PDB file of N, CA and C in Angstrom:
ATOM      1  N   MET A   1     -49.496   5.528   0.465  1.00  0.00           N
ATOM      2  CA  MET A   1     -48.567   5.401  -0.618  1.00  0.00           C
ATOM      3  C   MET A   1     -47.297   6.169  -0.312  1.00  0.00           C
ATOM      4  N   ALA A   2     -46.189   5.574  -0.665  1.00  0.00           N
ATOM      5  CA  ALA A   2     -44.902   6.224  -0.450  1.00  0.00           C
ATOM      6  C   ALA A   2     -44.552   7.086  -1.671  1.00  0.00           C
ATOM      7  N   VAL A   3     -44.034   8.232  -1.394  1.00  0.00           N
ATOM      8  CA  VAL A   3     -43.615   9.133  -2.451  1.00  0.00           C
ATOM      9  C   VAL A   3     -42.102   8.999  -2.630  1.00  0.00           C
ATOM     10  N   ALA A   4     -41.667   8.756  -3.847  1.00  0.00           N
ATOM     11  CA  ALA A   4     -40.245   8.610  -4.113  1.00  0.00           C
ATOM     12  C   ALA A   4     -39.577   9.963  -4.123  1.00  0.00           C
ATOM     13  N   LYS A   5     -38.436  10.067  -3.441  1.00  0.00           N
ATOM     14  CA  LYS A   5     -37.681  11.297  -3.379  1.00  0.00           C
ATOM     15  C   LYS A   5     -36.752  11.364  -4.579  1.00  0.00           C
ATOM     16  N   THR A   6     -36.670  12.537  -5.167  1.00  0.00           N
ATOM     17  CA  THR A   6     -35.716  12.753  -6.251  1.00  0.00           C
ATOM     18  C   THR A   6     -34.776  13.863  -5.820  1.00  0.00           C
ATOM     19  N   THR A   7     -33.497  13.577  -5.882  1.00  0.00           N
ATOM     20  CA  THR A   7     -32.508  14.583  -5.509  1.00  0.00           C
ATOM     21  C   THR A   7     -31.614  14.837  -6.709  1.00  0.00           C
ATOM     22  N   LYS A   8     -31.314  16.105  -6.896  1.00  0.00           N
ATOM     23  CA  LYS A   8     -30.412  16.496  -7.968  1.00  0.00           C
ATOM     24  C   LYS A   8     -29.239  17.236  -7.362  1.00  0.00           C
ATOM     25  N   LYS A   9     -28.076  16.874  -7.805  1.00  0.00           N
ATOM     26  CA  LYS A   9     -26.887  17.590  -7.351  1.00  0.00           C
ATOM     27  C   LYS A   9     -26.689  18.825  -8.225  1.00  0.00           C
ATOM     28  N   ALA A  10     -26.103  19.852  -7.652  1.00  0.00           N
ATOM     29  CA  ALA A  10     -25.880  21.095  -8.395  1.00  0.00           C
ATOM     30  C   ALA A  10     -24.883  20.873  -9.523  1.00  0.00           C
ATOM     31  N   SER A  11     -23.915  19.983  -9.340  1.00  0.00           N
ATOM     32  CA  SER A  11     -22.906  19.794 -10.348  1.00  0.00           C
ATOM     33  C   SER A  11     -23.431  19.053 -11.573  1.00  0.00           C
ATOM     34  N   THR A  12     -24.513  18.263 -11.426  1.00  0.00           N
ATOM     35  CA  THR A  12     -25.028  17.521 -12.564  1.00  0.00           C
ATOM     36  C   THR A  12     -25.926  18.372 -13.460  1.00  0.00           C
ATOM     37  N   THR A  13     -26.438  19.487 -12.962  1.00  0.00           N
ATOM     38  CA  THR A  13     -27.298  20.338 -13.766  1.00  0.00           C
ATOM     39  C   THR A  13     -26.488  21.149 -14.779  1.00  0.00           C
ATOM     40  N   ARG A  14     -25.245  21.379 -14.500  1.00  0.00           N
ATOM     41  CA  ARG A  14     -24.402  22.153 -15.393  1.00  0.00           C
ATOM     42  C   ARG A  14     -23.571  21.204 -16.261  1.00  0.00           C
ATOM     43  N   LYS A  15     -23.492  21.491 -17.548  1.00  0.00           N
ATOM     44  CA  LYS A  15     -22.714  20.637 -18.449  1.00  0.00           C
ATOM     45  C   LYS A  15     -21.227  20.907 -18.249  1.00  0.00           C
ATOM     46  N   ILE A  16     -20.476  19.841 -18.006  1.00  0.00           N
ATOM     47  CA  ILE A  16     -19.046  19.956 -17.769  1.00  0.00           C
ATOM     48  C   ILE A  16     -18.331  19.522 -19.042  1.00  0.00           C
ATOM     49  N   THR A  17     -17.560  20.423 -19.624  1.00  0.00           N
ATOM     50  CA  THR A  17     -16.822  20.118 -20.844  1.00  0.00           C
ATOM     51  C   THR A  17     -15.321  20.052 -20.547  1.00  0.00           C
ATOM     52  N   ALA A  18     -14.631  19.335 -21.407  1.00  0.00           N
ATOM     53  CA  ALA A  18     -13.180  19.196 -21.244  1.00  0.00           C
ATOM     54  C   ALA A  18     -12.496  20.490 -21.684  1.00  0.00           C
ATOM     55  N   ILE A  19     -11.400  20.803 -20.999  1.00  0.00           N
ATOM     56  CA  ILE A  19     -10.610  22.004 -21.312  1.00  0.00           C
ATOM     57  C   ILE A  19      -9.395  21.528 -22.111  1.00  0.00           C
ATOM     58  N   GLN A  20      -9.104  22.195 -23.222  1.00  0.00           N
ATOM     59  CA  GLN A  20      -8.067  21.767 -24.132  1.00  0.00           C
ATOM     60  C   GLN A  20      -6.694  22.325 -23.814  1.00  0.00           C
ATOM     61  N   GLN A  21      -6.631  23.474 -23.109  1.00  0.00           N
ATOM     62  CA  GLN A  21      -5.353  24.085 -22.783  1.00  0.00           C
ATOM     63  C   GLN A  21      -5.217  24.274 -21.288  1.00  0.00           C
ATOM     64  N   LYS A  22      -3.979  24.239 -20.793  1.00  0.00           N
ATOM     65  CA  LYS A  22      -3.728  24.402 -19.379  1.00  0.00           C
ATOM     66  C   LYS A  22      -4.008  25.849 -18.957  1.00  0.00           C
ATOM     67  N   TYR A  23      -4.708  26.023 -17.830  1.00  0.00           N
ATOM     68  CA  TYR A  23      -5.036  27.341 -17.331  1.00  0.00           C
ATOM     69  C   TYR A  23      -3.885  27.937 -16.516  1.00  0.00           C
ATOM     70  N   THR A  24      -3.717  29.255 -16.642  1.00  0.00           N
ATOM     71  CA  THR A  24      -2.804  29.970 -15.755  1.00  0.00           C
ATOM     72  C   THR A  24      -3.589  30.368 -14.505  1.00  0.00           C
ATOM     73  N   LYS A  25      -2.918  30.946 -13.528  1.00  0.00           N
ATOM     74  CA  LYS A  25      -3.598  31.363 -12.311  1.00  0.00           C
ATOM     75  C   LYS A  25      -4.672  32.399 -12.635  1.00  0.00           C
ATOM     76  N   THR A  26      -4.369  33.343 -13.510  1.00  0.00           N
ATOM     77  CA  THR A  26      -5.335  34.371 -13.904  1.00  0.00           C
ATOM     78  C   THR A  26      -6.554  33.761 -14.599  1.00  0.00           C
ATOM     79  N   ALA A  27      -6.306  32.767 -15.452  1.00  0.00           N
ATOM     80  CA  ALA A  27      -7.417  32.113 -16.144  1.00  0.00           C
ATOM     81  C   ALA A  27      -8.304  31.373 -15.171  1.00  0.00           C
ATOM     82  N   ILE A  28      -7.691  30.744 -14.174  1.00  0.00           N
ATOM     83  CA  ILE A  28      -8.470  30.032 -13.134  1.00  0.00           C
ATOM     84  C   ILE A  28      -9.335  31.021 -12.357  1.00  0.00           C
ATOM     85  N   LEU A  29      -8.739  32.151 -11.968  1.00  0.00           N
ATOM     86  CA  LEU A  29      -9.486  33.172 -11.226  1.00  0.00           C
ATOM     87  C   LEU A  29     -10.647  33.702 -12.060  1.00  0.00           C
ATOM     88  N   ASN A  30     -10.391  33.958 -13.355  1.00  0.00           N
ATOM     89  CA  ASN A  30     -11.446  34.444 -14.247  1.00  0.00           C
ATOM     90  C   ASN A  30     -12.572  33.427 -14.379  1.00  0.00           C
ATOM     91  N   GLU A  31     -12.232  32.169 -14.523  1.00  0.00           N
ATOM     92  CA  GLU A  31     -13.230  31.110 -14.711  1.00  0.00           C
ATOM     93  C   GLU A  31     -14.103  30.961 -13.451  1.00  0.00           C
ATOM     94  N   ILE A  32     -13.480  30.934 -12.281  1.00  0.00           N
ATOM     95  CA  ILE A  32     -14.232  30.784 -11.054  1.00  0.00           C
ATOM     96  C   ILE A  32     -15.124  31.995 -10.809  1.00  0.00           C
ATOM     97  N   SER A  33     -14.591  33.173 -11.052  1.00  0.00           N
ATOM     98  CA  SER A  33     -15.406  34.387 -10.821  1.00  0.00           C
ATOM     99  C   SER A  33     -16.564  34.487 -11.823  1.00  0.00           C
ATOM    100  N   ALA A  34     -16.355  33.984 -13.030  1.00  0.00           N
ATOM    101  CA  ALA A  34     -17.424  34.008 -14.020  1.00  0.00           C
ATOM    102  C   ALA A  34     -18.543  33.021 -13.680  1.00  0.00           C
ATOM    103  N   ASN A  35     -18.197  31.905 -13.038  1.00  0.00           N
ATOM    104  CA  ASN A  35     -19.191  30.877 -12.714  1.00  0.00           C
ATOM    105  C   ASN A  35     -19.799  31.025 -11.325  1.00  0.00           C
ATOM    106  N   THR A  36     -19.346  31.996 -10.550  1.00  0.00           N
ATOM    107  CA  THR A  36     -19.896  32.228  -9.221  1.00  0.00           C
ATOM    108  C   THR A  36     -20.252  33.695  -9.089  1.00  0.00           C
ATOM    109  N   ASP A  37     -20.767  34.073  -7.913  1.00  0.00           N
ATOM    110  CA  ASP A  37     -21.104  35.469  -7.674  1.00  0.00           C
ATOM    111  C   ASP A  37     -19.970  36.247  -7.026  1.00  0.00           C
ATOM    112  N   LEU A  38     -18.761  35.682  -7.096  1.00  0.00           N
ATOM    113  CA  LEU A  38     -17.618  36.324  -6.472  1.00  0.00           C
ATOM    114  C   LEU A  38     -16.817  37.123  -7.497  1.00  0.00           C
ATOM    115  N   THR A  39     -16.137  38.164  -7.000  1.00  0.00           N
ATOM    116  CA  THR A  39     -15.233  38.927  -7.860  1.00  0.00           C
ATOM    117  C   THR A  39     -13.893  38.211  -7.940  1.00  0.00           C
ATOM    118  N   LYS A  40     -13.049  38.622  -8.886  1.00  0.00           N
ATOM    119  CA  LYS A  40     -11.710  38.006  -9.004  1.00  0.00           C
ATOM    120  C   LYS A  40     -10.900  38.231  -7.747  1.00  0.00           C
ATOM    121  N   LYS A  41     -11.035  39.392  -7.130  1.00  0.00           N
ATOM    122  CA  LYS A  41     -10.303  39.682  -5.902  1.00  0.00           C
ATOM    123  C   LYS A  41     -10.741  38.745  -4.779  1.00  0.00           C
ATOM    124  N   GLN A  42     -12.034  38.511  -4.672  1.00  0.00           N
ATOM    125  CA  GLN A  42     -12.537  37.608  -3.620  1.00  0.00           C
ATOM    126  C   GLN A  42     -12.075  36.176  -3.865  1.00  0.00           C
ATOM    127  N   VAL A  43     -12.083  35.726  -5.090  1.00  0.00           N
ATOM    128  CA  VAL A  43     -11.618  34.377  -5.434  1.00  0.00           C
ATOM    129  C   VAL A  43     -10.123  34.255  -5.112  1.00  0.00           C
ATOM    130  N   SER A  44      -9.349  35.286  -5.425  1.00  0.00           N
ATOM    131  CA  SER A  44      -7.932  35.289  -5.120  1.00  0.00           C
ATOM    132  C   SER A  44      -7.705  35.210  -3.616  1.00  0.00           C
ATOM    133  N   GLU A  45      -8.492  35.946  -2.843  1.00  0.00           N
ATOM    134  CA  GLU A  45      -8.375  35.912  -1.386  1.00  0.00           C
ATOM    135  C   GLU A  45      -8.717  34.548  -0.823  1.00  0.00           C
ATOM    136  N   VAL A  46      -9.712  33.878  -1.399  1.00  0.00           N
ATOM    137  CA  VAL A  46     -10.087  32.521  -0.968  1.00  0.00           C
ATOM    138  C   VAL A  46      -8.946  31.542  -1.230  1.00  0.00           C
ATOM    139  N   LEU A  47      -8.339  31.611  -2.419  1.00  0.00           N
ATOM    140  CA  LEU A  47      -7.230  30.714  -2.744  1.00  0.00           C
ATOM    141  C   LEU A  47      -5.997  30.998  -1.862  1.00  0.00           C
ATOM    142  N   ASP A  48      -5.747  32.270  -1.574  1.00  0.00           N
ATOM    143  CA  ASP A  48      -4.641  32.614  -0.684  1.00  0.00           C
ATOM    144  C   ASP A  48      -4.876  32.073   0.735  1.00  0.00           C
ATOM    145  N   GLU A  49      -6.111  32.206   1.200  1.00  0.00           N
ATOM    146  CA  GLU A  49      -6.436  31.702   2.546  1.00  0.00           C
ATOM    147  C   GLU A  49      -6.351  30.170   2.583  1.00  0.00           C
ATOM    148  N   LEU A  50      -6.724  29.507   1.495  1.00  0.00           N
ATOM    149  CA  LEU A  50      -6.615  28.062   1.437  1.00  0.00           C
ATOM    150  C   LEU A  50      -5.159  27.618   1.513  1.00  0.00           C
ATOM    151  N   SER A  51      -4.254  28.340   0.856  1.00  0.00           N
ATOM    152  CA  SER A  51      -2.848  27.990   0.938  1.00  0.00           C
ATOM    153  C   SER A  51      -2.281  28.228   2.341  1.00  0.00           C
ATOM    154  N   ILE A  52      -2.786  29.266   3.015  1.00  0.00           N
ATOM    155  CA  ILE A  52      -2.350  29.518   4.399  1.00  0.00           C
ATOM    156  C   ILE A  52      -2.819  28.408   5.328  1.00  0.00           C
ATOM    157  N   ILE A  53      -4.060  27.956   5.130  1.00  0.00           N
ATOM    158  CA  ILE A  53      -4.591  26.861   5.958  1.00  0.00           C
ATOM    159  C   ILE A  53      -3.766  25.580   5.715  1.00  0.00           C
ATOM    160  N   MET A  54      -3.431  25.322   4.460  1.00  0.00           N
ATOM    161  CA  MET A  54      -2.605  24.143   4.159  1.00  0.00           C
ATOM    162  C   MET A  54      -1.236  24.237   4.856  1.00  0.00           C
ATOM    163  N   GLU A  55      -0.628  25.412   4.776  1.00  0.00           N
ATOM    164  CA  GLU A  55       0.671  25.608   5.409  1.00  0.00           C
ATOM    165  C   GLU A  55       0.584  25.393   6.906  1.00  0.00           C
ATOM    166  N   ARG A  56      -0.468  25.900   7.533  1.00  0.00           N
ATOM    167  CA  ARG A  56      -0.609  25.737   8.982  1.00  0.00           C
ATOM    168  C   ARG A  56      -0.809  24.279   9.383  1.00  0.00           C
ATOM    169  N   HIS A  57      -1.402  23.474   8.501  1.00  0.00           N
ATOM    170  CA  HIS A  57      -1.557  22.038   8.781  1.00  0.00           C
ATOM    171  C   HIS A  57      -0.256  21.271   8.602  1.00  0.00           C
ATOM    172  N   LEU A  58       0.611  21.704   7.692  1.00  0.00           N
ATOM    173  CA  LEU A  58       1.803  20.932   7.322  1.00  0.00           C
ATOM    174  C   LEU A  58       3.088  21.414   7.976  1.00  0.00           C
ATOM    175  N   LYS A  59       3.047  22.524   8.710  1.00  0.00           N
ATOM    176  CA  LYS A  59       4.254  23.041   9.358  1.00  0.00           C
ATOM    177  C   LYS A  59       4.802  22.050  10.391  1.00  0.00           C
ATOM    178  N   LYS A  60       6.015  22.351  10.853  1.00  0.00           N
ATOM    179  CA  LYS A  60       6.571  21.575  11.956  1.00  0.00           C
ATOM    180  C   LYS A  60       5.684  21.714  13.178  1.00  0.00           C
ATOM    181  N   ARG A  61       5.579  20.653  13.924  1.00  0.00           N
ATOM    182  CA  ARG A  61       4.782  20.587  15.162  1.00  0.00           C
ATOM    183  C   ARG A  61       3.283  20.790  14.877  1.00  0.00           C
ATOM    184  N   ALA A  62       2.840  20.600  13.657  1.00  0.00           N
ATOM    185  CA  ALA A  62       1.413  20.693  13.326  1.00  0.00           C
ATOM    186  C   ALA A  62       0.871  19.278  13.092  1.00  0.00           C
ATOM    187  N   VAL A  63      -0.356  19.193  12.671  1.00  0.00           N
ATOM    188  CA  VAL A  63      -1.029  17.911  12.450  1.00  0.00           C
ATOM    189  C   VAL A  63      -0.274  17.083  11.400  1.00  0.00           C
ATOM    190  N   GLY A  64       0.215  17.733  10.339  1.00  0.00           N
ATOM    191  CA  GLY A  64       0.960  17.021   9.320  1.00  0.00           C
ATOM    192  C   GLY A  64       0.094  16.434   8.231  1.00  0.00           C
ATOM    193  N   GLU A  65      -1.177  16.804   8.191  1.00  0.00           N
ATOM    194  CA  GLU A  65      -2.084  16.243   7.196  1.00  0.00           C
ATOM    195  C   GLU A  65      -3.177  17.256   6.883  1.00  0.00           C
ATOM    196  N   PHE A  66      -3.480  17.447   5.605  1.00  0.00           N
ATOM    197  CA  PHE A  66      -4.543  18.340   5.175  1.00  0.00           C
ATOM    198  C   PHE A  66      -5.376  17.636   4.137  1.00  0.00           C
ATOM    199  N   THR A  67      -6.703  17.681   4.258  1.00  0.00           N
ATOM    200  CA  THR A  67      -7.600  17.040   3.300  1.00  0.00           C
ATOM    201  C   THR A  67      -8.468  18.109   2.649  1.00  0.00           C
ATOM    202  N   LEU A  68      -8.456  18.132   1.333  1.00  0.00           N
ATOM    203  CA  LEU A  68      -9.387  18.945   0.567  1.00  0.00           C
ATOM    204  C   LEU A  68     -10.540  17.996   0.247  1.00  0.00           C
ATOM    205  N   PRO A  69     -11.671  18.112   0.929  1.00  0.00           N
ATOM    206  CA  PRO A  69     -12.716  17.099   0.904  1.00  0.00           C
ATOM    207  C   PRO A  69     -13.109  16.672  -0.505  1.00  0.00           C
ATOM    208  N   GLY A  70     -13.093  15.365  -0.708  1.00  0.00           N
ATOM    209  CA  GLY A  70     -13.475  14.787  -1.995  1.00  0.00           C
ATOM    210  C   GLY A  70     -12.405  14.801  -3.052  1.00  0.00           C
ATOM    211  N   LEU A  71     -11.337  15.570  -2.896  1.00  0.00           N
ATOM    212  CA  LEU A  71     -10.339  15.704  -3.957  1.00  0.00           C
ATOM    213  C   LEU A  71      -9.005  15.070  -3.596  1.00  0.00           C
ATOM    214  N   LEU A  72      -8.339  15.557  -2.552  1.00  0.00           N
ATOM    215  CA  LEU A  72      -7.005  15.073  -2.261  1.00  0.00           C
ATOM    216  C   LEU A  72      -6.655  15.208  -0.792  1.00  0.00           C
ATOM    217  N   LYS A  73      -5.636  14.417  -0.421  1.00  0.00           N
ATOM    218  CA  LYS A  73      -5.106  14.493   0.938  1.00  0.00           C
ATOM    219  C   LYS A  73      -3.615  14.764   0.819  1.00  0.00           C
ATOM    220  N   ILE A  74      -3.124  15.726   1.609  1.00  0.00           N
ATOM    221  CA  ILE A  74      -1.708  16.094   1.603  1.00  0.00           C
ATOM    222  C   ILE A  74      -1.140  15.729   2.961  1.00  0.00           C
ATOM    223  N   LYS A  75      -0.048  14.947   2.957  1.00  0.00           N
ATOM    224  CA  LYS A  75       0.589  14.525   4.183  1.00  0.00           C
ATOM    225  C   LYS A  75       2.037  14.951   4.210  1.00  0.00           C
ATOM    226  N   SER A  76       2.571  15.239   5.395  1.00  0.00           N
ATOM    227  CA  SER A  76       4.011  15.418   5.513  1.00  0.00           C
ATOM    228  C   SER A  76       4.545  14.118   6.144  1.00  0.00           C
ATOM    229  N   VAL A  77       5.477  13.492   5.451  1.00  0.00           N
ATOM    230  CA  VAL A  77       6.005  12.192   5.861  1.00  0.00           C
ATOM    231  C   VAL A  77       7.467  12.359   6.240  1.00  0.00           C
ATOM    232  N   THR A  78       7.818  11.909   7.447  1.00  0.00           N
ATOM    233  CA  THR A  78       9.198  11.980   7.913  1.00  0.00           C
ATOM    234  C   THR A  78       9.919  10.690   7.568  1.00  0.00           C
ATOM    235  N   ARG A  79      10.988  10.803   6.789  1.00  0.00           N
ATOM    236  CA  ARG A  79      11.811   9.659   6.466  1.00  0.00           C
ATOM    237  C   ARG A  79      12.988   9.618   7.435  1.00  0.00           C
ATOM    238  N   PRO A  80      13.231   8.488   8.080  1.00  0.00           N
ATOM    239  CA  PRO A  80      14.327   8.424   9.060  1.00  0.00           C
ATOM    240  C   PRO A  80      15.697   8.520   8.418  1.00  0.00           C
ATOM    241  N   ALA A  81      16.682   8.852   9.239  1.00  0.00           N
ATOM    242  CA  ALA A  81      18.075   8.939   8.765  1.00  0.00           C
ATOM    243  C   ALA A  81      18.575   7.540   8.434  1.00  0.00           C
ATOM    244  N   ARG A  82      19.475   7.480   7.430  1.00  0.00           N
ATOM    245  CA  ARG A  82      20.075   6.206   7.048  1.00  0.00           C
ATOM    246  C   ARG A  82      21.552   6.223   7.424  1.00  0.00           C
ATOM    247  N   PRO A  83      22.023   5.180   8.045  1.00  0.00           N
ATOM    248  CA  PRO A  83      23.457   5.158   8.429  1.00  0.00           C
ATOM    249  C   PRO A  83      24.325   4.874   7.194  1.00  0.00           C
ATOM    250  N   ALA A  84      25.620   5.195   7.335  1.00  0.00           N
ATOM    251  CA  ALA A  84      26.585   4.910   6.279  1.00  0.00           C
ATOM    252  C   ALA A  84      26.816   3.404   6.210  1.00  0.00           C
ATOM    253  N   ARG A  85      27.077   2.911   5.007  1.00  0.00           N
ATOM    254  CA  ARG A  85      27.371   1.482   4.838  1.00  0.00           C
ATOM    255  C   ARG A  85      28.635   1.325   4.018  1.00  0.00           C
ATOM    256  N   LYS A  86      29.469   0.383   4.439  1.00  0.00           N
ATOM    257  CA  LYS A  86      30.735   0.145   3.743  1.00  0.00           C
ATOM    258  C   LYS A  86      30.733  -1.245   3.116  1.00  0.00           C
ATOM    259  N   ASN A  87      31.499  -1.365   2.024  1.00  0.00           N
ATOM    260  CA  ASN A  87      31.682  -2.625   1.317  1.00  0.00           C
ATOM    261  C   ASN A  87      30.357  -3.277   0.885  1.00  0.00           C
ATOM    262  N   VAL A  88      29.516  -2.467   0.247  1.00  0.00           N
ATOM    263  CA  VAL A  88      28.259  -2.959  -0.298  1.00  0.00           C
ATOM    264  C   VAL A  88      28.504  -3.336  -1.739  1.00  0.00           C
ATOM    265  N   PRO A  89      27.995  -4.497  -2.201  1.00  0.00           N
ATOM    266  CA  PRO A  89      28.185  -4.879  -3.594  1.00  0.00           C
ATOM    267  C   PRO A  89      27.605  -3.821  -4.549  1.00  0.00           C
ATOM    268  N   ASN A  90      28.401  -3.473  -5.557  1.00  0.00           N
ATOM    269  CA  ASN A  90      27.980  -2.490  -6.547  1.00  0.00           C
ATOM    270  C   ASN A  90      27.030  -3.171  -7.528  1.00  0.00           C
ATOM    271  N   PRO A  91      25.774  -2.717  -7.652  1.00  0.00           N
ATOM    272  CA  PRO A  91      24.824  -3.384  -8.562  1.00  0.00           C
ATOM    273  C   PRO A  91      25.150  -3.164 -10.044  1.00  0.00           C
ATOM    274  N   PHE A  92      25.939  -2.137 -10.335  1.00  0.00           N
ATOM    275  CA  PHE A  92      26.250  -1.828 -11.731  1.00  0.00           C
ATOM    276  C   PHE A  92      27.540  -2.484 -12.217  1.00  0.00           C
ATOM    277  N   LYS A  93      28.410  -2.835 -11.282  1.00  0.00           N
ATOM    278  CA  LYS A  93      29.683  -3.499 -11.631  1.00  0.00           C
ATOM    279  C   LYS A  93      29.848  -4.721 -10.724  1.00  0.00           C
ATOM    280  N   PRO A  94      29.375  -5.878 -11.170  1.00  0.00           N
ATOM    281  CA  PRO A  94      29.471  -7.071 -10.318  1.00  0.00           C
ATOM    282  C   PRO A  94      30.912  -7.366  -9.937  1.00  0.00           C
ATOM    283  N   GLY A  95      31.086  -7.777  -8.691  1.00  0.00           N
ATOM    284  CA  GLY A  95      32.423  -8.118  -8.198  1.00  0.00           C
ATOM    285  C   GLY A  95      33.094  -6.950  -7.497  1.00  0.00           C
ATOM    286  N   GLU A  96      32.618  -5.715  -7.684  1.00  0.00           N
ATOM    287  CA  GLU A  96      33.194  -4.553  -7.018  1.00  0.00           C
ATOM    288  C   GLU A  96      32.352  -4.163  -5.818  1.00  0.00           C
ATOM    289  N   PHE A  97      32.991  -3.487  -4.870  1.00  0.00           N
ATOM    290  CA  PHE A  97      32.294  -3.012  -3.677  1.00  0.00           C
ATOM    291  C   PHE A  97      32.345  -1.502  -3.634  1.00  0.00           C
ATOM    292  N   MET A  98      31.358  -0.918  -2.944  1.00  0.00           N
ATOM    293  CA  MET A  98      31.304   0.531  -2.850  1.00  0.00           C
ATOM    294  C   MET A  98      30.872   0.945  -1.443  1.00  0.00           C
ATOM    295  N   ASP A  99      31.115   2.205  -1.119  1.00  0.00           N
ATOM    296  CA  ASP A  99      30.680   2.756   0.171  1.00  0.00           C
ATOM    297  C   ASP A  99      29.498   3.674  -0.089  1.00  0.00           C
ATOM    298  N   ILE A 100      28.492   3.596   0.795  1.00  0.00           N
ATOM    299  CA  ILE A 100      27.304   4.440   0.679  1.00  0.00           C
ATOM    300  C   ILE A 100      27.355   5.434   1.841  1.00  0.00           C
ATOM    301  N   PRO A 101      27.293   6.730   1.553  1.00  0.00           N
ATOM    302  CA  PRO A 101      27.350   7.743   2.626  1.00  0.00           C
ATOM    303  C   PRO A 101      26.033   7.768   3.417  1.00  0.00           C
ATOM    304  N   LYS A 102      26.092   8.326   4.623  1.00  0.00           N
ATOM    305  CA  LYS A 102      24.894   8.435   5.430  1.00  0.00           C
ATOM    306  C   LYS A 102      23.989   9.534   4.880  1.00  0.00           C
ATOM    307  N   LYS A 103      22.678   9.387   5.140  1.00  0.00           N
ATOM    308  CA  LYS A 103      21.704  10.378   4.695  1.00  0.00           C
ATOM    309  C   LYS A 103      20.959  10.888   5.917  1.00  0.00           C
ATOM    310  N   PRO A 104      20.762  12.203   6.031  1.00  0.00           N
ATOM    311  CA  PRO A 104      20.017  12.731   7.184  1.00  0.00           C
ATOM    312  C   PRO A 104      18.510  12.451   7.043  1.00  0.00           C
ATOM    313  N   ALA A 105      17.789  12.615   8.145  1.00  0.00           N
ATOM    314  CA  ALA A 105      16.339  12.476   8.130  1.00  0.00           C
ATOM    315  C   ALA A 105      15.748  13.634   7.301  1.00  0.00           C
ATOM    316  N   THR A 106      14.717  13.347   6.561  1.00  0.00           N
ATOM    317  CA  THR A 106      14.068  14.362   5.742  1.00  0.00           C
ATOM    318  C   THR A 106      12.553  14.317   5.932  1.00  0.00           C
ATOM    319  N   THR A 107      11.919  15.420   5.596  1.00  0.00           N
ATOM    320  CA  THR A 107      10.463  15.489   5.618  1.00  0.00           C
ATOM    321  C   THR A 107      10.009  15.724   4.181  1.00  0.00           C
ATOM    322  N   ARG A 108       9.136  14.846   3.706  1.00  0.00           N
ATOM    323  CA  ARG A 108       8.631  14.921   2.344  1.00  0.00           C
ATOM    324  C   ARG A 108       7.138  15.231   2.373  1.00  0.00           C
ATOM    325  N   VAL A 109       6.632  15.767   1.284  1.00  0.00           N
ATOM    326  CA  VAL A 109       5.197  16.004   1.141  1.00  0.00           C
ATOM    327  C   VAL A 109       4.641  14.952   0.208  1.00  0.00           C
ATOM    328  N   LYS A 110       3.581  14.273   0.659  1.00  0.00           N
ATOM    329  CA  LYS A 110       2.970  13.222  -0.118  1.00  0.00           C
ATOM    330  C   LYS A 110       1.540  13.644  -0.418  1.00  0.00           C
ATOM    331  N   ILE A 111       1.152  13.590  -1.706  1.00  0.00           N
ATOM    332  CA  ILE A 111      -0.195  14.003  -2.107  1.00  0.00           C
ATOM    333  C   ILE A 111      -0.927  12.751  -2.613  1.00  0.00           C
ATOM    334  N   LEU A 112      -2.071  12.481  -1.989  1.00  0.00           N
ATOM    335  CA  LEU A 112      -2.847  11.290  -2.343  1.00  0.00           C
ATOM    336  C   LEU A 112      -4.184  11.708  -2.946  1.00  0.00           C
ATOM    337  N   PRO A 113      -4.509  11.243  -4.144  1.00  0.00           N
ATOM    338  CA  PRO A 113      -5.816  11.566  -4.716  1.00  0.00           C
ATOM    339  C   PRO A 113      -6.917  10.757  -4.040  1.00  0.00           C
ATOM    340  N   LEU A 114      -8.063  11.372  -3.822  1.00  0.00           N
ATOM    341  CA  LEU A 114      -9.206  10.687  -3.254  1.00  0.00           C
ATOM    342  C   LEU A 114     -10.114  10.186  -4.377  1.00  0.00           C
ATOM    343  N   LYS A 115     -11.135   9.460  -4.007  1.00  0.00           N
ATOM    344  CA  LYS A 115     -11.974   8.751  -4.974  1.00  0.00           C
ATOM    345  C   LYS A 115     -12.545   9.672  -6.062  1.00  0.00           C
ATOM    346  N   LYS A 116     -13.063  10.808  -5.676  1.00  0.00           N
ATOM    347  CA  LYS A 116     -13.687  11.710  -6.638  1.00  0.00           C
ATOM    348  C   LYS A 116     -12.681  12.216  -7.663  1.00  0.00           C
ATOM    349  N   LEU A 117     -11.457  12.530  -7.233  1.00  0.00           N
ATOM    350  CA  LEU A 117     -10.427  12.995  -8.165  1.00  0.00           C
ATOM    351  C   LEU A 117     -10.025  11.880  -9.129  1.00  0.00           C
ATOM    352  N   LYS A 118      -9.967  10.656  -8.654  1.00  0.00           N
ATOM    353  CA  LYS A 118      -9.654   9.522  -9.530  1.00  0.00           C
ATOM    354  C   LYS A 118     -10.720   9.317 -10.582  1.00  0.00           C
ATOM    355  N   GLU A 119     -11.982   9.565 -10.193  1.00  0.00           N
ATOM    356  CA  GLU A 119     -13.090   9.422 -11.160  1.00  0.00           C
ATOM    357  C   GLU A 119     -13.037  10.453 -12.258  1.00  0.00           C
ATOM    358  N   PHE A 120     -12.472  11.642 -11.978  1.00  0.00           N
ATOM    359  CA  PHE A 120     -12.380  12.695 -12.999  1.00  0.00           C
ATOM    360  C   PHE A 120     -11.566  12.240 -14.207  1.00  0.00           C
ATOM    361  N   ALA A 121     -10.565  11.406 -13.982  1.00  0.00           N
ATOM    362  CA  ALA A 121      -9.654  10.998 -15.045  1.00  0.00           C
ATOM    363  C   ALA A 121     -10.257   9.904 -15.919  1.00  0.00           C
ATOM    364  N   LEU A 122     -11.361   9.328 -15.514  1.00  0.00           N
ATOM    365  CA  LEU A 122     -11.972   8.244 -16.299  1.00  0.00           C
ATOM    366  C   LEU A 122     -12.785   8.744 -17.421  1.00  0.00           C
TER     367      LEU A 122
END
């Protein structure tokens, strides 16, 4: 006879309630330290180290992508330079022409939610 396996996730055993007010950094540290065996100082050090790891992934000449597993992906996206254009039709004043100045190349940060984060909002 086969025995059916039952698995329970740690997150399902604890009741998750909605929070009515936005947390400050101190409130977040207090909440995490209250729900774990870590002190507020240790939680603060973990969050500081996480921000350093993110920075190291997104700096110039780095990978350019950081994933917080299950929650979000952060990418640095390089937008190319745009040349100047002359005598372009003005979309706001038909019949008139305008000049568009050139724009330099820029690097933007793009944050993409992953499946688990999208499910939180449902």
